[in-house]
Amino acid sequence: MKEDDKQKVHQLLDLMQKHDFSAYMNICYESIVTYPEQVTGLSIPIRDKLAALDRMIQHFAEMDEFEKCSELNKIKGKIK
């Protein structure tokens, strides 16, 4: 993918995060549960990965989407 195309995708996701956070979280969730190795394999500190997943879990718990919380907790278990 060309750098310009990557920028457009990032801009779109940034707009979604600001204007429709729930839709943004659903996209993130689908990506993470479909490709968990992308999260577990990221070369960022474990605490940052866990903090991001905790934030997602909090969001889905507030939406009463506990099955999503469960899936994210499974991925957290693979990180620890």
N, C-alpha and C. Protein backbone atom coordinates (compact mmCIF):
# COMPACT_ATOMS: atom_id res chain seq x y z
N MET A 1 0.85 -1.17 0.00
CA MET A 1 0.00 0.00 0.00
C MET A 1 0.89 1.23 0.00
N LYS A 2 0.53 2.18 -0.83
CA LYS A 2 1.29 3.42 -0.91
C LYS A 2 1.12 4.22 0.38
N GLU A 3 2.12 5.03 0.67
CA GLU A 3 2.11 5.84 1.89
C GLU A 3 0.90 6.78 1.93
N ASP A 4 0.53 7.35 0.79
CA ASP A 4 -0.62 8.24 0.72
C ASP A 4 -1.91 7.49 1.08
N ASP A 5 -2.02 6.26 0.61
CA ASP A 5 -3.20 5.44 0.94
C ASP A 5 -3.23 5.12 2.44
N LYS A 6 -2.08 4.84 3.02
CA LYS A 6 -2.02 4.56 4.46
C LYS A 6 -2.48 5.78 5.25
N GLN A 7 -2.06 6.95 4.80
CA GLN A 7 -2.46 8.19 5.48
C GLN A 7 -3.97 8.37 5.43
N LYS A 8 -4.57 8.05 4.29
CA LYS A 8 -6.02 8.19 4.16
C LYS A 8 -6.75 7.25 5.11
N VAL A 9 -6.25 6.03 5.24
CA VAL A 9 -6.85 5.07 6.16
C VAL A 9 -6.73 5.57 7.59
N HIS A 10 -5.55 6.06 7.95
CA HIS A 10 -5.34 6.60 9.30
C HIS A 10 -6.28 7.78 9.56
N GLN A 11 -6.45 8.64 8.59
CA GLN A 11 -7.34 9.79 8.75
C GLN A 11 -8.79 9.33 8.96
N LEU A 12 -9.19 8.34 8.19
CA LEU A 12 -10.55 7.82 8.33
C LEU A 12 -10.77 7.23 9.71
N LEU A 13 -9.81 6.44 10.18
CA LEU A 13 -9.93 5.85 11.51
C LEU A 13 -9.92 6.92 12.60
N ASP A 14 -9.09 7.93 12.43
CA ASP A 14 -9.08 9.03 13.40
C ASP A 14 -10.44 9.73 13.46
N LEU A 15 -11.04 9.96 12.30
CA LEU A 15 -12.36 10.59 12.27
C LEU A 15 -13.41 9.71 12.94
N MET A 16 -13.35 8.41 12.66
CA MET A 16 -14.30 7.49 13.29
C MET A 16 -14.13 7.50 14.80
N GLN A 17 -12.88 7.50 15.25
CA GLN A 17 -12.63 7.50 16.69
C GLN A 17 -13.25 8.74 17.34
N LYS A 18 -13.16 9.86 16.68
CA LYS A 18 -13.68 11.11 17.23
C LYS A 18 -15.20 11.23 17.13
N HIS A 19 -15.78 10.72 16.04
CA HIS A 19 -17.19 10.97 15.77
C HIS A 19 -18.12 9.78 16.03
N ASP A 20 -17.58 8.58 16.00
CA ASP A 20 -18.40 7.40 16.26
C ASP A 20 -17.52 6.37 16.97
N PHE A 21 -17.25 6.64 18.24
CA PHE A 21 -16.31 5.83 19.00
C PHE A 21 -16.75 4.38 19.08
N SER A 22 -18.03 4.13 19.18
CA SER A 22 -18.52 2.77 19.27
C SER A 22 -18.22 1.98 17.99
N ALA A 23 -18.43 2.60 16.85
CA ALA A 23 -18.11 1.94 15.57
C ALA A 23 -16.60 1.70 15.48
N TYR A 24 -15.84 2.66 15.91
CA TYR A 24 -14.38 2.53 15.92
C TYR A 24 -13.95 1.35 16.79
N MET A 25 -14.54 1.24 17.97
CA MET A 25 -14.19 0.14 18.87
C MET A 25 -14.59 -1.20 18.28
N ASN A 26 -15.70 -1.25 17.58
CA ASN A 26 -16.12 -2.49 16.93
C ASN A 26 -15.15 -2.90 15.83
N ILE A 27 -14.65 -1.94 15.08
CA ILE A 27 -13.66 -2.24 14.04
C ILE A 27 -12.38 -2.76 14.69
N CYS A 28 -11.95 -2.10 15.75
CA CYS A 28 -10.75 -2.56 16.47
C CYS A 28 -10.96 -3.96 17.02
N TYR A 29 -12.10 -4.20 17.61
CA TYR A 29 -12.40 -5.52 18.17
C TYR A 29 -12.34 -6.59 17.09
N GLU A 30 -13.00 -6.37 15.97
CA GLU A 30 -13.01 -7.35 14.89
C GLU A 30 -11.60 -7.65 14.39
N SER A 31 -10.80 -6.61 14.27
CA SER A 31 -9.42 -6.79 13.83
C SER A 31 -8.61 -7.61 14.82
N ILE A 32 -8.79 -7.31 16.10
CA ILE A 32 -8.01 -7.98 17.14
C ILE A 32 -8.40 -9.44 17.29
N VAL A 33 -9.69 -9.75 17.27
CA VAL A 33 -10.09 -11.15 17.44
C VAL A 33 -9.83 -11.96 16.17
N THR A 34 -9.81 -11.31 15.02
CA THR A 34 -9.50 -12.01 13.78
C THR A 34 -8.01 -12.28 13.65
N TYR A 35 -7.20 -11.34 14.09
CA TYR A 35 -5.74 -11.45 13.98
C TYR A 35 -5.07 -11.19 15.33
N PRO A 36 -5.31 -12.03 16.33
CA PRO A 36 -4.75 -11.77 17.66
C PRO A 36 -3.22 -11.77 17.68
N GLU A 37 -2.61 -12.51 16.76
CA GLU A 37 -1.14 -12.54 16.72
C GLU A 37 -0.56 -11.17 16.38
N GLN A 38 -1.34 -10.33 15.74
CA GLN A 38 -0.86 -8.98 15.45
C GLN A 38 -0.72 -8.17 16.74
N VAL A 39 -1.59 -8.43 17.69
CA VAL A 39 -1.52 -7.73 18.98
C VAL A 39 -0.43 -8.35 19.85
N THR A 40 -0.46 -9.67 19.95
CA THR A 40 0.50 -10.34 20.83
C THR A 40 1.93 -10.15 20.32
N GLY A 41 2.10 -10.00 19.01
CA GLY A 41 3.43 -9.87 18.44
C GLY A 41 3.96 -8.46 18.32
N LEU A 42 3.14 -7.47 18.64
CA LEU A 42 3.60 -6.08 18.54
C LEU A 42 4.78 -5.83 19.46
N SER A 43 5.72 -5.05 18.96
CA SER A 43 6.90 -4.76 19.77
C SER A 43 6.70 -3.45 20.56
N ILE A 44 5.64 -3.44 21.35
CA ILE A 44 5.40 -2.33 22.28
C ILE A 44 5.34 -2.94 23.68
N PRO A 45 5.55 -2.13 24.69
CA PRO A 45 5.54 -2.69 26.05
C PRO A 45 4.24 -3.43 26.37
N ILE A 46 4.38 -4.52 27.09
CA ILE A 46 3.23 -5.34 27.47
C ILE A 46 2.20 -4.50 28.21
N ARG A 47 2.65 -3.62 29.09
CA ARG A 47 1.70 -2.81 29.86
C ARG A 47 0.83 -1.95 28.95
N ASP A 48 1.40 -1.48 27.83
CA ASP A 48 0.62 -0.67 26.88
C ASP A 48 -0.42 -1.52 26.16
N LYS A 49 -0.04 -2.74 25.78
CA LYS A 49 -0.99 -3.65 25.14
C LYS A 49 -2.14 -3.95 26.09
N LEU A 50 -1.78 -4.27 27.34
CA LEU A 50 -2.81 -4.63 28.33
C LEU A 50 -3.71 -3.44 28.64
N ALA A 51 -3.13 -2.25 28.70
CA ALA A 51 -3.92 -1.04 28.98
C ALA A 51 -4.92 -0.79 27.85
N ALA A 52 -4.50 -0.98 26.62
CA ALA A 52 -5.40 -0.78 25.48
C ALA A 52 -6.53 -1.80 25.51
N LEU A 53 -6.20 -3.05 25.79
CA LEU A 53 -7.23 -4.08 25.86
C LEU A 53 -8.17 -3.82 27.03
N ASP A 54 -7.63 -3.37 28.15
CA ASP A 54 -8.48 -3.02 29.30
C ASP A 54 -9.45 -1.91 28.95
N ARG A 55 -9.00 -0.94 28.18
CA ARG A 55 -9.88 0.17 27.77
C ARG A 55 -11.00 -0.35 26.88
N MET A 56 -10.65 -1.28 25.99
CA MET A 56 -11.66 -1.87 25.12
C MET A 56 -12.66 -2.68 25.94
N ILE A 57 -12.16 -3.45 26.88
CA ILE A 57 -13.03 -4.26 27.74
C ILE A 57 -13.97 -3.36 28.52
N GLN A 58 -13.46 -2.28 29.04
CA GLN A 58 -14.30 -1.32 29.77
C GLN A 58 -15.41 -0.79 28.86
N HIS A 59 -15.05 -0.42 27.64
CA HIS A 59 -16.04 0.10 26.70
C HIS A 59 -17.15 -0.93 26.45
N PHE A 60 -16.76 -2.17 26.15
CA PHE A 60 -17.76 -3.18 25.83
C PHE A 60 -18.56 -3.60 27.05
N ALA A 61 -17.98 -3.53 28.23
CA ALA A 61 -18.74 -3.81 29.45
C ALA A 61 -19.81 -2.74 29.65
N GLU A 62 -19.47 -1.48 29.37
CA GLU A 62 -20.44 -0.40 29.47
C GLU A 62 -21.59 -0.57 28.47
N MET A 63 -21.31 -1.23 27.36
CA MET A 63 -22.31 -1.49 26.33
C MET A 63 -23.04 -2.82 26.55
N ASP A 64 -22.72 -3.49 27.67
CA ASP A 64 -23.29 -4.81 27.99
C ASP A 64 -22.98 -5.85 26.91
N GLU A 65 -21.82 -5.75 26.32
CA GLU A 65 -21.37 -6.71 25.31
C GLU A 65 -20.29 -7.59 25.95
N PHE A 66 -20.73 -8.42 26.87
CA PHE A 66 -19.80 -9.19 27.69
C PHE A 66 -19.10 -10.30 26.94
N GLU A 67 -19.70 -10.78 25.84
CA GLU A 67 -19.03 -11.80 25.05
C GLU A 67 -17.76 -11.23 24.42
N LYS A 68 -17.79 -9.96 24.06
CA LYS A 68 -16.61 -9.31 23.51
C LYS A 68 -15.56 -9.14 24.60
N CYS A 69 -16.00 -8.82 25.80
CA CYS A 69 -15.07 -8.71 26.94
C CYS A 69 -14.35 -10.04 27.15
N SER A 70 -15.10 -11.11 27.06
CA SER A 70 -14.53 -12.44 27.26
C SER A 70 -13.46 -12.75 26.21
N GLU A 71 -13.75 -12.43 24.97
CA GLU A 71 -12.77 -12.68 23.89
C GLU A 71 -11.51 -11.84 24.09
N LEU A 72 -11.69 -10.60 24.48
CA LEU A 72 -10.53 -9.73 24.71
C LEU A 72 -9.72 -10.21 25.92
N ASN A 73 -10.39 -10.72 26.93
CA ASN A 73 -9.68 -11.27 28.08
C ASN A 73 -8.85 -12.50 27.70
N LYS A 74 -9.34 -13.29 26.76
CA LYS A 74 -8.56 -14.44 26.28
C LYS A 74 -7.27 -13.97 25.62
N ILE A 75 -7.36 -12.91 24.86
CA ILE A 75 -6.17 -12.37 24.20
C ILE A 75 -5.22 -11.79 25.23
N LYS A 76 -5.78 -11.13 26.25
CA LYS A 76 -4.93 -10.62 27.34
C LYS A 76 -4.15 -11.75 27.99
N GLY A 77 -4.80 -12.91 28.16
CA GLY A 77 -4.15 -14.07 28.76
C GLY A 77 -2.97 -14.55 27.94
N LYS A 78 -3.03 -14.39 26.63
CA LYS A 78 -1.93 -14.80 25.76
C LYS A 78 -0.75 -13.83 25.85
N ILE A 79 -1.03 -12.61 26.26
CA ILE A 79 0.02 -11.58 26.36
C ILE A 79 0.79 -11.72 27.66
N LYS A 80 0.09 -12.05 28.74
CA LYS A 80 0.72 -12.09 30.06
C LYS A 80 1.77 -13.12 30.17
